[in-house]
Each structure stands twice: as structure tokens, then as C-alpha cells.
């Protein structure tokens, strides 16, 4: 399994609004991907920061997600937003 955890950190309320507008579709599309086990992006006590936790069955599923997401409105709307992520891998699927 591949796990990505961390934070999405907005620098402004305008960036936070962009996240809120684009996030529902991004979540819907990602959760429908083959190999997606979990995908959660949740607000924190800070209105400019979201907690991100996602898991994919294997490296191929994770890489396919990254490629798909890079070509979406989500990528365009959130391109300037800081991502503080760690990626870990445990065992072979």
C-alpha cells in the first residue's frame, strides 16, 4: 500500500475558497479510481489548512491517481497552494 499524509496549506482566504469549490469533485473522482482505498481531505481548526490522508493499493494505482489529478480542474485551481506531504509504502500488494 502507498499512503500519503500531510497538509494542504493555503496562504489566503481566496486560496481556501478555491479548495472548497474544487474539492468535492476531486474527492468524488479520486474515490472512484481503481486502487483507491481511502481518500480524505478534511478541514482543521485553521480555516487555511486541510489534513490530507490517502491510501492506494499499490504504486501503480498511486501513480495513476497523480497523473489523472494533474490534468484536472483541481490541479489548476490549487496550483499555487503549499502541500506538506509524506509518502510511505508498506508491503507489496
Protein backbone atom coordinates (compact mmCIF):
# COMPACT_ATOMS: atom_id res chain seq x y z
CA UNK A 1 0.00 0.00 0.00
CA UNK A 2 1.01 3.58 -0.66
CA UNK A 3 -0.01 6.20 1.90
CA UNK A 4 0.12 9.95 1.53
CA UNK A 5 -0.42 12.08 4.63
CA UNK A 6 0.06 15.71 5.35
CA UNK A 7 -1.43 19.12 4.93
CA UNK A 8 -2.72 21.41 2.21
CA UNK A 9 -1.77 24.92 3.36
CA UNK A 10 -3.45 27.98 1.84
CA UNK A 11 -1.79 31.40 2.02
CA UNK A 12 -5.06 33.33 1.74
CA UNK A 13 -8.80 33.04 2.08
CA UNK A 14 -9.04 33.23 -1.73
CA UNK A 15 -6.97 30.04 -1.96
CA UNK A 16 -9.14 28.43 0.73
CA UNK A 17 -12.25 29.27 -1.32
CA UNK A 18 -10.64 27.68 -4.39
CA UNK A 19 -10.04 24.50 -2.38
CA UNK A 20 -13.62 24.45 -1.10
CA UNK A 21 -15.01 24.90 -4.61
CA UNK A 22 -12.85 22.28 -6.33
CA UNK A 23 -12.58 19.72 -3.53
CA UNK A 24 -15.94 17.89 -3.76
CA UNK A 25 -15.36 16.86 -7.39
CA UNK A 26 -11.72 15.97 -6.69
CA UNK A 27 -12.80 13.70 -3.83
CA UNK A 28 -15.56 12.11 -5.92
CA UNK A 29 -13.27 11.36 -8.85
CA UNK A 30 -10.43 10.08 -6.67
CA UNK A 31 -12.60 7.75 -4.59
CA UNK A 32 -13.90 6.23 -7.85
CA UNK A 33 -10.39 5.40 -9.08
CA UNK A 34 -9.32 1.79 -9.28
CA UNK A 35 -6.94 1.10 -6.41
CA UNK A 36 -8.07 3.95 -4.16
CA UNK A 37 -8.53 2.57 -0.65
CA UNK A 38 -9.12 5.82 1.25
CA UNK A 39 -9.08 9.47 0.30
CA UNK A 40 -9.88 12.14 2.88
CA UNK A 41 -9.22 15.87 2.82
CA UNK A 42 -10.65 17.42 5.96
CA UNK A 43 -10.63 20.93 7.38
CA UNK A 44 -8.65 21.70 10.52
CA UNK A 45 -9.21 24.33 13.19
CA UNK A 46 -7.27 26.70 10.94
CA UNK A 47 -9.51 27.75 8.01
CA UNK A 48 -6.48 27.86 5.71
CA UNK A 49 -5.28 24.29 6.35
CA UNK A 50 -6.68 20.88 5.38
CA UNK A 51 -5.48 17.50 6.62
CA UNK A 52 -4.88 15.03 3.79
CA UNK A 53 -4.84 11.23 4.16
CA UNK A 54 -4.97 8.87 1.22
CA UNK A 55 -4.11 5.25 0.57
CA UNK A 56 -3.79 3.33 -2.67
CA UNK A 57 -3.39 -0.41 -3.17
CA UNK A 58 -0.03 -0.11 -4.90
CA UNK A 59 2.43 2.22 -6.60
CA UNK A 60 0.69 1.83 -9.98
CA UNK A 61 -2.66 2.98 -8.55
CA UNK A 62 -0.99 5.91 -6.76
CA UNK A 63 0.90 6.95 -9.90
CA UNK A 64 -2.30 6.71 -11.98
CA UNK A 65 -4.05 8.96 -9.44
CA UNK A 66 -1.25 11.51 -9.57
CA UNK A 67 -1.35 11.57 -13.38
CA UNK A 68 -5.14 11.89 -13.50
CA UNK A 69 -5.26 14.60 -10.84
CA UNK A 70 -2.54 16.63 -12.58
CA UNK A 71 -4.82 17.07 -15.60
CA UNK A 72 -7.93 18.29 -13.74
CA UNK A 73 -9.57 21.50 -12.60
CA UNK A 74 -8.34 20.62 -9.10
CA UNK A 75 -4.74 20.95 -10.28
CA UNK A 76 -5.45 24.28 -11.96
CA UNK A 77 -7.40 25.76 -9.04
CA UNK A 78 -4.88 24.67 -6.38
CA UNK A 79 -1.61 25.01 -8.30
CA UNK A 80 -0.13 27.69 -6.02
CA UNK A 81 -1.14 26.10 -2.73
CA UNK A 82 1.54 24.60 -0.49
CA UNK A 83 1.47 20.86 0.00
CA UNK A 84 3.30 19.41 3.01
CA UNK A 85 3.07 15.67 2.32
CA UNK A 86 4.86 12.48 3.29
CA UNK A 87 4.54 9.35 1.16
CA UNK A 88 5.15 5.92 2.67
CA UNK A 89 4.90 2.43 1.28
CA UNK A 90 4.24 -0.75 3.21
CA UNK A 91 4.44 -4.22 1.75
CA UNK A 92 3.71 -5.28 -1.79
CA UNK A 93 0.11 -5.52 -2.93
